[in-house]
Amino acid sequence: MPVEKSTVDTIRKERGTVLKEGYIQKLGGNKGGREGNWKRRYLVLCDDLTYFESKEAYEAGEQPKGKVKLDMCFCPEPELEDNETNDFCIYAIPFHLEVRCDSQADLISWASTIQQLSCG
C-alpha cells in the first residue's frame, strides 16, 4: 500500500528517516536489453535512493552499491496493464534507473512513494 502524501511530507522533513525499504531488481550497467544484467538489490528510500547487495549488507553498515539522488528526479506513472515484469523507471541526474518489483502491489507502492517525494 502506498505511503500517504501527508506521511511522506511529515517524514521528509526529518532528514535521514527511512521511508521504504525492500528487494527489487535493477537493470545493471550493461543496459543492452530487457533480458540481461538484472540484479537483485536491497533498496532503501531515505533522502536518496540507495541500493545494497543485500539486506544483511545494509544492516551491517556496508557501503552501498549505488545511490540515486532524488533532489532532481522524475518517476512517471508506471504502466499497470501488460506489465508482467512490474517494471518502472526513475529518471534522475546523471542517469536513470530501471526497476522490476516482485508484485504489482510493490510496483505501485515504490513508484507512488518516489513520485510523492519528487513532487515535494
PDB file of N, CA and C in Angstrom:
ATOM      1  N   MET A   1       0.842  -1.168   0.000  1.00  0.00           N
ATOM      2  CA  MET A   1       0.000   0.000   0.000  1.00  0.00           C
ATOM      3  C   MET A   1       0.893   1.239   0.000  1.00  0.00           C
ATOM      4  N   PRO A   2       0.614   2.222  -0.857  1.00  0.00           N
ATOM      5  CA  PRO A   2       1.426   3.432  -0.927  1.00  0.00           C
ATOM      6  C   PRO A   2       1.383   4.220   0.373  1.00  0.00           C
ATOM      7  N   VAL A   3       2.458   4.940   0.619  1.00  0.00           N
ATOM      8  CA  VAL A   3       2.533   5.803   1.785  1.00  0.00           C
ATOM      9  C   VAL A   3       1.691   7.038   1.509  1.00  0.00           C
ATOM     10  N   GLU A   4       0.888   7.457   2.476  1.00  0.00           N
ATOM     11  CA  GLU A   4       0.042   8.643   2.310  1.00  0.00           C
ATOM     12  C   GLU A   4       0.895   9.885   2.109  1.00  0.00           C
ATOM     13  N   LYS A   5       0.420  10.814   1.276  1.00  0.00           N
ATOM     14  CA  LYS A   5       1.142  12.058   0.962  1.00  0.00           C
ATOM     15  C   LYS A   5       1.477  12.833   2.226  1.00  0.00           C
ATOM     16  N   SER A   6       0.537  12.961   3.155  1.00  0.00           N
ATOM     17  CA  SER A   6       0.801  13.712   4.381  1.00  0.00           C
ATOM     18  C   SER A   6       1.899  13.052   5.202  1.00  0.00           C
ATOM     19  N   THR A   7       1.947  11.712   5.185  1.00  0.00           N
ATOM     20  CA  THR A   7       3.001  10.990   5.903  1.00  0.00           C
ATOM     21  C   THR A   7       4.352  11.250   5.259  1.00  0.00           C
ATOM     22  N   VAL A   8       4.404  11.222   3.922  1.00  0.00           N
ATOM     23  CA  VAL A   8       5.653  11.491   3.210  1.00  0.00           C
ATOM     24  C   VAL A   8       6.116  12.917   3.508  1.00  0.00           C
ATOM     25  N   ASP A   9       5.207  13.888   3.452  1.00  0.00           N
ATOM     26  CA  ASP A   9       5.564  15.281   3.743  1.00  0.00           C
ATOM     27  C   ASP A   9       6.144  15.425   5.139  1.00  0.00           C
ATOM     28  N   THR A  10       5.515  14.778   6.120  1.00  0.00           N
ATOM     29  CA  THR A  10       5.972  14.870   7.506  1.00  0.00           C
ATOM     30  C   THR A  10       7.335  14.211   7.667  1.00  0.00           C
ATOM     31  N   ILE A  11       7.464  12.999   7.153  1.00  0.00           N
ATOM     32  CA  ILE A  11       8.718  12.259   7.309  1.00  0.00           C
ATOM     33  C   ILE A  11       9.842  12.917   6.530  1.00  0.00           C
ATOM     34  N   ARG A  12       9.547  13.450   5.358  1.00  0.00           N
ATOM     35  CA  ARG A  12      10.564  14.065   4.505  1.00  0.00           C
ATOM     36  C   ARG A  12      11.268  15.204   5.231  1.00  0.00           C
ATOM     37  N   LYS A  13      10.575  15.875   6.132  1.00  0.00           N
ATOM     38  CA  LYS A  13      11.174  16.971   6.890  1.00  0.00           C
ATOM     39  C   LYS A  13      12.215  16.469   7.883  1.00  0.00           C
ATOM     40  N   GLU A  14      12.119  15.205   8.234  1.00  0.00           N
ATOM     41  CA  GLU A  14      13.057  14.604   9.170  1.00  0.00           C
ATOM     42  C   GLU A  14      14.149  13.898   8.369  1.00  0.00           C
ATOM     43  N   ARG A  15      15.208  14.629   8.029  1.00  0.00           N
ATOM     44  CA  ARG A  15      16.284  14.084   7.193  1.00  0.00           C
ATOM     45  C   ARG A  15      16.812  12.788   7.794  1.00  0.00           C
ATOM     46  N   GLY A  16      17.075  11.838   6.927  1.00  0.00           N
ATOM     47  CA  GLY A  16      17.657  10.580   7.360  1.00  0.00           C
ATOM     48  C   GLY A  16      16.644   9.517   7.741  1.00  0.00           C
ATOM     49  N   THR A  17      15.367   9.826   7.692  1.00  0.00           N
ATOM     50  CA  THR A  17      14.340   8.854   8.038  1.00  0.00           C
ATOM     51  C   THR A  17      14.104   7.915   6.853  1.00  0.00           C
ATOM     52  N   VAL A  18      14.088   6.623   7.123  1.00  0.00           N
ATOM     53  CA  VAL A  18      13.825   5.631   6.086  1.00  0.00           C
ATOM     54  C   VAL A  18      12.324   5.598   5.816  1.00  0.00           C
ATOM     55  N   LEU A  19      11.946   5.859   4.553  1.00  0.00           N
ATOM     56  CA  LEU A  19      10.542   5.851   4.152  1.00  0.00           C
ATOM     57  C   LEU A  19      10.086   4.476   3.681  1.00  0.00           C
ATOM     58  N   LYS A  20      10.997   3.755   3.041  1.00  0.00           N
ATOM     59  CA  LYS A  20      10.650   2.455   2.477  1.00  0.00           C
ATOM     60  C   LYS A  20      11.933   1.687   2.231  1.00  0.00           C
ATOM     61  N   GLU A  21      11.852   0.384   2.368  1.00  0.00           N
ATOM     62  CA  GLU A  21      12.987  -0.474   2.044  1.00  0.00           C
ATOM     63  C   GLU A  21      12.480  -1.833   1.613  1.00  0.00           C
ATOM     64  N   GLY A  22      13.278  -2.506   0.781  1.00  0.00           N
ATOM     65  CA  GLY A  22      12.904  -3.829   0.325  1.00  0.00           C
ATOM     66  C   GLY A  22      13.673  -4.232  -0.922  1.00  0.00           C
ATOM     67  N   TYR A  23      13.475  -5.475  -1.336  1.00  0.00           N
ATOM     68  CA  TYR A  23      14.174  -6.012  -2.503  1.00  0.00           C
ATOM     69  C   TYR A  23      13.463  -5.651  -3.799  1.00  0.00           C
ATOM     70  N   ILE A  24      14.251  -5.363  -4.816  1.00  0.00           N
ATOM     71  CA  ILE A  24      13.800  -5.140  -6.188  1.00  0.00           C
ATOM     72  C   ILE A  24      14.874  -5.739  -7.099  1.00  0.00           C
ATOM     73  N   GLN A  25      14.632  -5.679  -8.394  1.00  0.00           N
ATOM     74  CA  GLN A  25      15.675  -5.965  -9.372  1.00  0.00           C
ATOM     75  C   GLN A  25      15.937  -4.674 -10.128  1.00  0.00           C
ATOM     76  N   LYS A  26      17.193  -4.409 -10.420  1.00  0.00           N
ATOM     77  CA  LYS A  26      17.539  -3.221 -11.202  1.00  0.00           C
ATOM     78  C   LYS A  26      18.350  -3.654 -12.407  1.00  0.00           C
ATOM     79  N   LEU A  27      18.197  -2.917 -13.487  1.00  0.00           N
ATOM     80  CA  LEU A  27      18.967  -3.191 -14.688  1.00  0.00           C
ATOM     81  C   LEU A  27      20.372  -2.659 -14.463  1.00  0.00           C
ATOM     82  N   GLY A  28      21.367  -3.539 -14.625  1.00  0.00           N
ATOM     83  CA  GLY A  28      22.746  -3.176 -14.354  1.00  0.00           C
ATOM     84  C   GLY A  28      23.368  -2.316 -15.429  1.00  0.00           C
ATOM     85  N   GLY A  29      24.667  -2.101 -15.307  1.00  0.00           N
ATOM     86  CA  GLY A  29      25.407  -1.208 -16.190  1.00  0.00           C
ATOM     87  C   GLY A  29      25.342  -1.565 -17.658  1.00  0.00           C
ATOM     88  N   ASN A  30      25.220  -2.853 -17.980  1.00  0.00           N
ATOM     89  CA  ASN A  30      25.100  -3.277 -19.371  1.00  0.00           C
ATOM     90  C   ASN A  30      23.626  -3.242 -19.747  1.00  0.00           C
ATOM     91  N   LYS A  31      23.150  -2.086 -20.171  1.00  0.00           N
ATOM     92  CA  LYS A  31      21.732  -1.884 -20.432  1.00  0.00           C
ATOM     93  C   LYS A  31      21.352  -2.324 -21.846  1.00  0.00           C
ATOM     94  N   GLY A  32      21.903  -3.436 -22.276  1.00  0.00           N
ATOM     95  CA  GLY A  32      21.703  -3.886 -23.642  1.00  0.00           C
ATOM     96  C   GLY A  32      20.346  -4.481 -23.937  1.00  0.00           C
ATOM     97  N   GLY A  33      19.578  -4.850 -22.938  1.00  0.00           N
ATOM     98  CA  GLY A  33      18.277  -5.426 -23.239  1.00  0.00           C
ATOM     99  C   GLY A  33      17.504  -5.799 -22.007  1.00  0.00           C
ATOM    100  N   ARG A  34      16.255  -6.055 -22.187  1.00  0.00           N
ATOM    101  CA  ARG A  34      15.361  -6.344 -21.073  1.00  0.00           C
ATOM    102  C   ARG A  34      15.680  -7.675 -20.403  1.00  0.00           C
ATOM    103  N   GLU A  35      16.315  -8.599 -21.080  1.00  0.00           N
ATOM    104  CA  GLU A  35      16.540  -9.914 -20.507  1.00  0.00           C
ATOM    105  C   GLU A  35      17.884 -10.046 -19.813  1.00  0.00           C
ATOM    106  N   GLY A  36      18.795  -9.114 -20.026  1.00  0.00           N
ATOM    107  CA  GLY A  36      20.133  -9.299 -19.485  1.00  0.00           C
ATOM    108  C   GLY A  36      20.496  -8.348 -18.367  1.00  0.00           C
ATOM    109  N   ASN A  37      21.354  -8.796 -17.507  1.00  0.00           N
ATOM    110  CA  ASN A  37      22.007  -8.000 -16.479  1.00  0.00           C
ATOM    111  C   ASN A  37      21.076  -7.397 -15.439  1.00  0.00           C
ATOM    112  N   TRP A  38      20.010  -8.093 -15.085  1.00  0.00           N
ATOM    113  CA  TRP A  38      19.146  -7.661 -13.991  1.00  0.00           C
ATOM    114  C   TRP A  38      19.744  -8.183 -12.694  1.00  0.00           C
ATOM    115  N   LYS A  39      19.889  -7.307 -11.716  1.00  0.00           N
ATOM    116  CA  LYS A  39      20.496  -7.653 -10.426  1.00  0.00           C
ATOM    117  C   LYS A  39      19.490  -7.424  -9.304  1.00  0.00           C
ATOM    118  N   ARG A  40      19.390  -8.380  -8.406  1.00  0.00           N
ATOM    119  CA  ARG A  40      18.541  -8.223  -7.223  1.00  0.00           C
ATOM    120  C   ARG A  40      19.305  -7.384  -6.199  1.00  0.00           C
ATOM    121  N   ARG A  41      18.671  -6.306  -5.749  1.00  0.00           N
ATOM    122  CA  ARG A  41      19.297  -5.391  -4.799  1.00  0.00           C
ATOM    123  C   ARG A  41      18.309  -5.026  -3.705  1.00  0.00           C
ATOM    124  N   TYR A  42      18.857  -4.603  -2.579  1.00  0.00           N
ATOM    125  CA  TYR A  42      18.043  -4.142  -1.460  1.00  0.00           C
ATOM    126  C   TYR A  42      18.030  -2.622  -1.493  1.00  0.00           C
ATOM    127  N   LEU A  43      16.849  -2.042  -1.732  1.00  0.00           N
ATOM    128  CA  LEU A  43      16.710  -0.590  -1.837  1.00  0.00           C
ATOM    129  C   LEU A  43      16.294   0.011  -0.504  1.00  0.00           C
ATOM    130  N   VAL A  44      16.876   1.162  -0.211  1.00  0.00           N
ATOM    131  CA  VAL A  44      16.498   1.937   0.970  1.00  0.00           C
ATOM    132  C   VAL A  44      16.178   3.346   0.493  1.00  0.00           C
ATOM    133  N   LEU A  45      14.934   3.754   0.690  1.00  0.00           N
ATOM    134  CA  LEU A  45      14.478   5.080   0.301  1.00  0.00           C
ATOM    135  C   LEU A  45      14.494   5.981   1.519  1.00  0.00           C
ATOM    136  N   CYS A  46      15.342   6.973   1.445  1.00  0.00           N
ATOM    137  CA  CYS A  46      15.533   7.910   2.550  1.00  0.00           C
ATOM    138  C   CYS A  46      15.562   9.289   1.905  1.00  0.00           C
ATOM    139  N   ASP A  47      16.585  10.059   2.160  1.00  0.00           N
ATOM    140  CA  ASP A  47      16.759  11.328   1.465  1.00  0.00           C
ATOM    141  C   ASP A  47      17.074  11.072  -0.007  1.00  0.00           C
ATOM    142  N   ASP A  48      17.746   9.967  -0.274  1.00  0.00           N
ATOM    143  CA  ASP A  48      18.057   9.497  -1.619  1.00  0.00           C
ATOM    144  C   ASP A  48      17.653   8.032  -1.693  1.00  0.00           C
ATOM    145  N   LEU A  49      17.785   7.441  -2.852  1.00  0.00           N
ATOM    146  CA  LEU A  49      17.505   6.030  -3.038  1.00  0.00           C
ATOM    147  C   LEU A  49      18.845   5.306  -3.103  1.00  0.00           C
ATOM    148  N   THR A  50      19.112   4.488  -2.128  1.00  0.00           N
ATOM    149  CA  THR A  50      20.392   3.794  -2.023  1.00  0.00           C
ATOM    150  C   THR A  50      20.142   2.298  -2.167  1.00  0.00           C
ATOM    151  N   TYR A  51      21.041   1.624  -2.884  1.00  0.00           N
ATOM    152  CA  TYR A  51      20.859   0.187  -3.024  1.00  0.00           C
ATOM    153  C   TYR A  51      22.108  -0.569  -2.591  1.00  0.00           C
ATOM    154  N   PHE A  52      21.841  -1.737  -1.993  1.00  0.00           N
ATOM    155  CA  PHE A  52      22.868  -2.585  -1.398  1.00  0.00           C
ATOM    156  C   PHE A  52      22.804  -3.978  -2.006  1.00  0.00           C
ATOM    157  N   GLU A  53      23.869  -4.730  -1.842  1.00  0.00           N
ATOM    158  CA  GLU A  53      23.923  -6.114  -2.311  1.00  0.00           C
ATOM    159  C   GLU A  53      22.802  -6.935  -1.676  1.00  0.00           C
ATOM    160  N   SER A  54      22.541  -6.696  -0.382  1.00  0.00           N
ATOM    161  CA  SER A  54      21.532  -7.469   0.343  1.00  0.00           C
ATOM    162  C   SER A  54      21.066  -6.690   1.573  1.00  0.00           C
ATOM    163  N   LYS A  55      20.005  -7.175   2.189  1.00  0.00           N
ATOM    164  CA  LYS A  55      19.521  -6.574   3.436  1.00  0.00           C
ATOM    165  C   LYS A  55      20.586  -6.711   4.511  1.00  0.00           C
ATOM    166  N   GLU A  56      21.255  -7.848   4.523  1.00  0.00           N
ATOM    167  CA  GLU A  56      22.307  -8.081   5.511  1.00  0.00           C
ATOM    168  C   GLU A  56      23.444  -7.065   5.354  1.00  0.00           C
ATOM    169  N   ALA A  57      23.802  -6.741   4.112  1.00  0.00           N
ATOM    170  CA  ALA A  57      24.850  -5.740   3.859  1.00  0.00           C
ATOM    171  C   ALA A  57      24.415  -4.374   4.389  1.00  0.00           C
ATOM    172  N   TYR A  58      23.157  -4.020   4.172  1.00  0.00           N
ATOM    173  CA  TYR A  58      22.621  -2.750   4.679  1.00  0.00           C
ATOM    174  C   TYR A  58      22.662  -2.722   6.205  1.00  0.00           C
ATOM    175  N   GLU A  59      22.170  -3.790   6.825  1.00  0.00           N
ATOM    176  CA  GLU A  59      22.118  -3.845   8.286  1.00  0.00           C
ATOM    177  C   GLU A  59      23.499  -3.889   8.911  1.00  0.00           C
ATOM    178  N   ALA A  60      24.493  -4.408   8.180  1.00  0.00           N
ATOM    179  CA  ALA A  60      25.871  -4.462   8.678  1.00  0.00           C
ATOM    180  C   ALA A  60      26.601  -3.134   8.481  1.00  0.00           C
ATOM    181  N   GLY A  61      25.954  -2.175   7.818  1.00  0.00           N
ATOM    182  CA  GLY A  61      26.574  -0.869   7.604  1.00  0.00           C
ATOM    183  C   GLY A  61      27.571  -0.828   6.468  1.00  0.00           C
ATOM    184  N   GLU A  62      27.498  -1.797   5.558  1.00  0.00           N
ATOM    185  CA  GLU A  62      28.411  -1.813   4.416  1.00  0.00           C
ATOM    186  C   GLU A  62      28.120  -0.649   3.474  1.00  0.00           C
ATOM    187  N   GLN A  63      29.088  -0.324   2.653  1.00  0.00           N
ATOM    188  CA  GLN A  63      28.916   0.733   1.665  1.00  0.00           C
ATOM    189  C   GLN A  63      27.872   0.303   0.634  1.00  0.00           C
ATOM    190  N   PRO A  64      27.036   1.221   0.191  1.00  0.00           N
ATOM    191  CA  PRO A  64      26.041   0.866  -0.822  1.00  0.00           C
ATOM    192  C   PRO A  64      26.695   0.570  -2.163  1.00  0.00           C
ATOM    193  N   LYS A  65      25.991  -0.214  -2.982  1.00  0.00           N
ATOM    194  CA  LYS A  65      26.445  -0.486  -4.344  1.00  0.00           C
ATOM    195  C   LYS A  65      26.212   0.728  -5.236  1.00  0.00           C
ATOM    196  N   GLY A  66      25.235   1.571  -4.862  1.00  0.00           N
ATOM    197  CA  GLY A  66      24.944   2.757  -5.647  1.00  0.00           C
ATOM    198  C   GLY A  66      23.930   3.642  -4.957  1.00  0.00           C
ATOM    199  N   LYS A  67      23.776   4.838  -5.531  1.00  0.00           N
ATOM    200  CA  LYS A  67      22.852   5.812  -4.967  1.00  0.00           C
ATOM    201  C   LYS A  67      22.248   6.633  -6.087  1.00  0.00           C
ATOM    202  N   VAL A  68      20.947   6.906  -5.969  1.00  0.00           N
ATOM    203  CA  VAL A  68      20.256   7.774  -6.907  1.00  0.00           C
ATOM    204  C   VAL A  68      19.800   9.002  -6.116  1.00  0.00           C
ATOM    205  N   LYS A  69      20.323  10.157  -6.495  1.00  0.00           N
ATOM    206  CA  LYS A  69      19.939  11.408  -5.843  1.00  0.00           C
ATOM    207  C   LYS A  69      18.516  11.753  -6.264  1.00  0.00           C
ATOM    208  N   LEU A  70      17.672  12.067  -5.294  1.00  0.00           N
ATOM    209  CA  LEU A  70      16.273  12.334  -5.587  1.00  0.00           C
ATOM    210  C   LEU A  70      15.921  13.811  -5.559  1.00  0.00           C
ATOM    211  N   ASP A  71      16.927  14.684  -5.443  1.00  0.00           N
ATOM    212  CA  ASP A  71      16.614  16.110  -5.407  1.00  0.00           C
ATOM    213  C   ASP A  71      16.162  16.618  -6.783  1.00  0.00           C
ATOM    214  N   MET A  72      16.552  15.938  -7.847  1.00  0.00           N
ATOM    215  CA  MET A  72      16.091  16.271  -9.201  1.00  0.00           C
ATOM    216  C   MET A  72      15.777  14.963  -9.923  1.00  0.00           C
ATOM    217  N   CYS A  73      14.573  14.475  -9.715  1.00  0.00           N
ATOM    218  CA  CYS A  73      14.199  13.209 -10.348  1.00  0.00           C
ATOM    219  C   CYS A  73      12.759  13.275 -10.819  1.00  0.00           C
ATOM    220  N   PHE A  74      12.419  12.316 -11.664  1.00  0.00           N
ATOM    221  CA  PHE A  74      11.064  12.186 -12.169  1.00  0.00           C
ATOM    222  C   PHE A  74      10.749  10.706 -12.261  1.00  0.00           C
ATOM    223  N   CYS A  75       9.611  10.324 -11.739  1.00  0.00           N
ATOM    224  CA  CYS A  75       9.166   8.937 -11.802  1.00  0.00           C
ATOM    225  C   CYS A  75       7.776   8.937 -12.438  1.00  0.00           C
ATOM    226  N   PRO A  76       7.702   8.650 -13.756  1.00  0.00           N
ATOM    227  CA  PRO A  76       6.394   8.670 -14.424  1.00  0.00           C
ATOM    228  C   PRO A  76       5.467   7.588 -13.883  1.00  0.00           C
ATOM    229  N   GLU A  77       4.194   7.793 -14.096  1.00  0.00           N
ATOM    230  CA  GLU A  77       3.196   6.798 -13.694  1.00  0.00           C
ATOM    231  C   GLU A  77       3.517   5.478 -14.402  1.00  0.00           C
ATOM    232  N   PRO A  78       3.722   4.394 -13.648  1.00  0.00           N
ATOM    233  CA  PRO A  78       4.071   3.133 -14.304  1.00  0.00           C
ATOM    234  C   PRO A  78       2.880   2.520 -15.031  1.00  0.00           C
ATOM    235  N   GLU A  79       3.188   1.789 -16.074  1.00  0.00           N
ATOM    236  CA  GLU A  79       2.177   1.048 -16.829  1.00  0.00           C
ATOM    237  C   GLU A  79       1.761  -0.151 -15.984  1.00  0.00           C
ATOM    238  N   LEU A  80       0.470  -0.303 -15.740  1.00  0.00           N
ATOM    239  CA  LEU A  80      -0.010  -1.425 -14.928  1.00  0.00           C
ATOM    240  C   LEU A  80      -0.551  -2.563 -15.787  1.00  0.00           C
ATOM    241  N   GLU A  81      -1.126  -2.241 -16.935  1.00  0.00           N
ATOM    242  CA  GLU A  81      -1.613  -3.274 -17.843  1.00  0.00           C
ATOM    243  C   GLU A  81      -0.461  -3.727 -18.738  1.00  0.00           C
ATOM    244  N   ASP A  82      -0.456  -4.996 -19.057  1.00  0.00           N
ATOM    245  CA  ASP A  82       0.586  -5.558 -19.919  1.00  0.00           C
ATOM    246  C   ASP A  82       1.985  -5.294 -19.378  1.00  0.00           C
ATOM    247  N   ASN A  83       2.128  -5.344 -18.074  1.00  0.00           N
ATOM    248  CA  ASN A  83       3.421  -5.126 -17.418  1.00  0.00           C
ATOM    249  C   ASN A  83       3.674  -6.312 -16.485  1.00  0.00           C
ATOM    250  N   GLU A  84       3.860  -7.475 -17.084  1.00  0.00           N
ATOM    251  CA  GLU A  84       4.015  -8.713 -16.315  1.00  0.00           C
ATOM    252  C   GLU A  84       5.254  -8.720 -15.431  1.00  0.00           C
ATOM    253  N   THR A  85       6.272  -7.962 -15.803  1.00  0.00           N
ATOM    254  CA  THR A  85       7.508  -7.931 -15.011  1.00  0.00           C
ATOM    255  C   THR A  85       7.521  -6.800 -13.983  1.00  0.00           C
ATOM    256  N   ASN A  86       6.442  -6.012 -13.923  1.00  0.00           N
ATOM    257  CA  ASN A  86       6.309  -4.939 -12.929  1.00  0.00           C
ATOM    258  C   ASN A  86       7.472  -3.953 -12.978  1.00  0.00           C
ATOM    259  N   ASP A  87       7.783  -3.471 -14.180  1.00  0.00           N
ATOM    260  CA  ASP A  87       8.880  -2.514 -14.407  1.00  0.00           C
ATOM    261  C   ASP A  87       8.414  -1.084 -14.184  1.00  0.00           C
ATOM    262  N   PHE A  88       9.345  -0.250 -13.742  1.00  0.00           N
ATOM    263  CA  PHE A  88       9.143   1.200 -13.784  1.00  0.00           C
ATOM    264  C   PHE A  88      10.505   1.869 -13.804  1.00  0.00           C
ATOM    265  N   CYS A  89      10.536   3.159 -14.142  1.00  0.00           N
ATOM    266  CA  CYS A  89      11.788   3.900 -14.255  1.00  0.00           C
ATOM    267  C   CYS A  89      11.809   5.093 -13.316  1.00  0.00           C
ATOM    268  N   ILE A  90      13.004   5.412 -12.880  1.00  0.00           N
ATOM    269  CA  ILE A  90      13.257   6.631 -12.125  1.00  0.00           C
ATOM    270  C   ILE A  90      14.299   7.401 -12.923  1.00  0.00           C
ATOM    271  N   TYR A  91      13.916   8.579 -13.393  1.00  0.00           N
ATOM    272  CA  TYR A  91      14.828   9.405 -14.174  1.00  0.00           C
ATOM    273  C   TYR A  91      15.454  10.428 -13.247  1.00  0.00           C
ATOM    274  N   ALA A  92      16.758  10.362 -13.115  1.00  0.00           N
ATOM    275  CA  ALA A  92      17.494  11.274 -12.240  1.00  0.00           C
ATOM    276  C   ALA A  92      18.745  11.732 -12.966  1.00  0.00           C
ATOM    277  N   ILE A  93      19.386  12.721 -12.421  1.00  0.00           N
ATOM    278  CA  ILE A  93      20.635  13.224 -12.998  1.00  0.00           C
ATOM    279  C   ILE A  93      21.780  12.540 -12.271  1.00  0.00           C
ATOM    280  N   PRO A  94      22.714  11.874 -12.917  1.00  0.00           N
ATOM    281  CA  PRO A  94      23.002  11.909 -14.353  1.00  0.00           C
ATOM    282  C   PRO A  94      22.494  10.695 -15.130  1.00  0.00           C
ATOM    283  N   PHE A  95      21.693   9.815 -14.530  1.00  0.00           N
ATOM    284  CA  PHE A  95      21.242   8.625 -15.250  1.00  0.00           C
ATOM    285  C   PHE A  95      19.841   8.231 -14.782  1.00  0.00           C
ATOM    286  N   HIS A  96      19.291   7.201 -15.427  1.00  0.00           N
ATOM    287  CA  HIS A  96      18.003   6.690 -14.971  1.00  0.00           C
ATOM    288  C   HIS A  96      18.184   5.264 -14.465  1.00  0.00           C
ATOM    289  N   LEU A  97      17.233   4.856 -13.644  1.00  0.00           N
ATOM    290  CA  LEU A  97      17.272   3.542 -13.023  1.00  0.00           C
ATOM    291  C   LEU A  97      16.019   2.782 -13.465  1.00  0.00           C
ATOM    292  N   GLU A  98      16.226   1.618 -14.085  1.00  0.00           N
ATOM    293  CA  GLU A  98      15.108   0.746 -14.450  1.00  0.00           C
ATOM    294  C   GLU A  98      14.973  -0.305 -13.368  1.00  0.00           C
ATOM    295  N   VAL A  99      13.747  -0.463 -12.873  1.00  0.00           N
ATOM    296  CA  VAL A  99      13.487  -1.303 -11.711  1.00  0.00           C
ATOM    297  C   VAL A  99      12.381  -2.296 -12.016  1.00  0.00           C
ATOM    298  N   ARG A 100      12.499  -3.512 -11.455  1.00  0.00           N
ATOM    299  CA  ARG A 100      11.454  -4.527 -11.502  1.00  0.00           C
ATOM    300  C   ARG A 100      11.082  -4.892 -10.073  1.00  0.00           C
ATOM    301  N   CYS A 101       9.798  -4.966  -9.822  1.00  0.00           N
ATOM    302  CA  CYS A 101       9.310  -5.342  -8.499  1.00  0.00           C
ATOM    303  C   CYS A 101       8.766  -6.769  -8.534  1.00  0.00           C
ATOM    304  N   ASP A 102       8.663  -7.380  -7.356  1.00  0.00           N
ATOM    305  CA  ASP A 102       8.166  -8.751  -7.258  1.00  0.00           C
ATOM    306  C   ASP A 102       6.668  -8.854  -7.527  1.00  0.00           C
ATOM    307  N   SER A 103       5.933  -7.765  -7.300  1.00  0.00           N
ATOM    308  CA  SER A 103       4.484  -7.799  -7.486  1.00  0.00           C
ATOM    309  C   SER A 103       3.992  -6.432  -7.949  1.00  0.00           C
ATOM    310  N   GLN A 104       2.769  -6.403  -8.447  1.00  0.00           N
ATOM    311  CA  GLN A 104       2.191  -5.127  -8.850  1.00  0.00           C
ATOM    312  C   GLN A 104       1.973  -4.227  -7.636  1.00  0.00           C
ATOM    313  N   ALA A 105       1.634  -4.823  -6.498  1.00  0.00           N
ATOM    314  CA  ALA A 105       1.460  -4.036  -5.264  1.00  0.00           C
ATOM    315  C   ALA A 105       2.768  -3.334  -4.889  1.00  0.00           C
ATOM    316  N   ASP A 106       3.893  -4.047  -5.001  1.00  0.00           N
ATOM    317  CA  ASP A 106       5.204  -3.427  -4.720  1.00  0.00           C
ATOM    318  C   ASP A 106       5.496  -2.316  -5.725  1.00  0.00           C
ATOM    319  N   LEU A 107       5.199  -2.569  -6.990  1.00  0.00           N
ATOM    320  CA  LEU A 107       5.398  -1.565  -8.039  1.00  0.00           C
ATOM    321  C   LEU A 107       4.645  -0.281  -7.694  1.00  0.00           C
ATOM    322  N   ILE A 108       3.381  -0.403  -7.368  1.00  0.00           N
ATOM    323  CA  ILE A 108       2.561   0.762  -7.043  1.00  0.00           C
ATOM    324  C   ILE A 108       3.098   1.476  -5.808  1.00  0.00           C
ATOM    325  N   SER A 109       3.478   0.735  -4.795  1.00  0.00           N
ATOM    326  CA  SER A 109       3.978   1.327  -3.554  1.00  0.00           C
ATOM    327  C   SER A 109       5.286   2.088  -3.764  1.00  0.00           C
ATOM    328  N   TRP A 110       6.251   1.439  -4.433  1.00  0.00           N
ATOM    329  CA  TRP A 110       7.537   2.104  -4.679  1.00  0.00           C
ATOM    330  C   TRP A 110       7.356   3.343  -5.547  1.00  0.00           C
ATOM    331  N   ALA A 111       6.667   3.183  -6.669  1.00  0.00           N
ATOM    332  CA  ALA A 111       6.519   4.296  -7.614  1.00  0.00           C
ATOM    333  C   ALA A 111       5.763   5.465  -6.994  1.00  0.00           C
ATOM    334  N   SER A 112       4.688   5.194  -6.285  1.00  0.00           N
ATOM    335  CA  SER A 112       3.911   6.305  -5.717  1.00  0.00           C
ATOM    336  C   SER A 112       4.687   7.042  -4.628  1.00  0.00           C
ATOM    337  N   THR A 113       5.442   6.321  -3.832  1.00  0.00           N
ATOM    338  CA  THR A 113       6.235   6.985  -2.789  1.00  0.00           C
ATOM    339  C   THR A 113       7.309   7.870  -3.410  1.00  0.00           C
ATOM    340  N   ILE A 114       7.988   7.366  -4.427  1.00  0.00           N
ATOM    341  CA  ILE A 114       9.021   8.169  -5.109  1.00  0.00           C
ATOM    342  C   ILE A 114       8.393   9.351  -5.827  1.00  0.00           C
ATOM    343  N   GLN A 115       7.238   9.151  -6.453  1.00  0.00           N
ATOM    344  CA  GLN A 115       6.541  10.254  -7.129  1.00  0.00           C
ATOM    345  C   GLN A 115       6.191  11.358  -6.128  1.00  0.00           C
ATOM    346  N   GLN A 116       5.712  10.987  -4.967  1.00  0.00           N
ATOM    347  CA  GLN A 116       5.352  11.990  -3.957  1.00  0.00           C
ATOM    348  C   GLN A 116       6.583  12.777  -3.500  1.00  0.00           C
ATOM    349  N   LEU A 117       7.707  12.101  -3.371  1.00  0.00           N
ATOM    350  CA  LEU A 117       8.943  12.783  -2.962  1.00  0.00           C
ATOM    351  C   LEU A 117       9.431  13.729  -4.044  1.00  0.00           C
ATOM    352  N   SER A 118       9.332  13.295  -5.297  1.00  0.00           N
ATOM    353  CA  SER A 118       9.865  14.115  -6.383  1.00  0.00           C
ATOM    354  C   SER A 118       8.992  15.326  -6.673  1.00  0.00           C
ATOM    355  N   CYS A 119       7.785  15.335  -6.151  1.00  0.00           N
ATOM    356  CA  CYS A 119       6.886  16.481  -6.345  1.00  0.00           C
ATOM    357  C   CYS A 119       6.978  17.459  -5.188  1.00  0.00           C
ATOM    358  N   GLY A 120       7.630  17.092  -4.144  1.00  0.00           N
ATOM    359  CA  GLY A 120       7.596  17.962  -2.991  1.00  0.00           C
ATOM    360  C   GLY A 120       8.915  18.264  -2.459  1.00  0.00           C
TER     361      GLY A 120
END
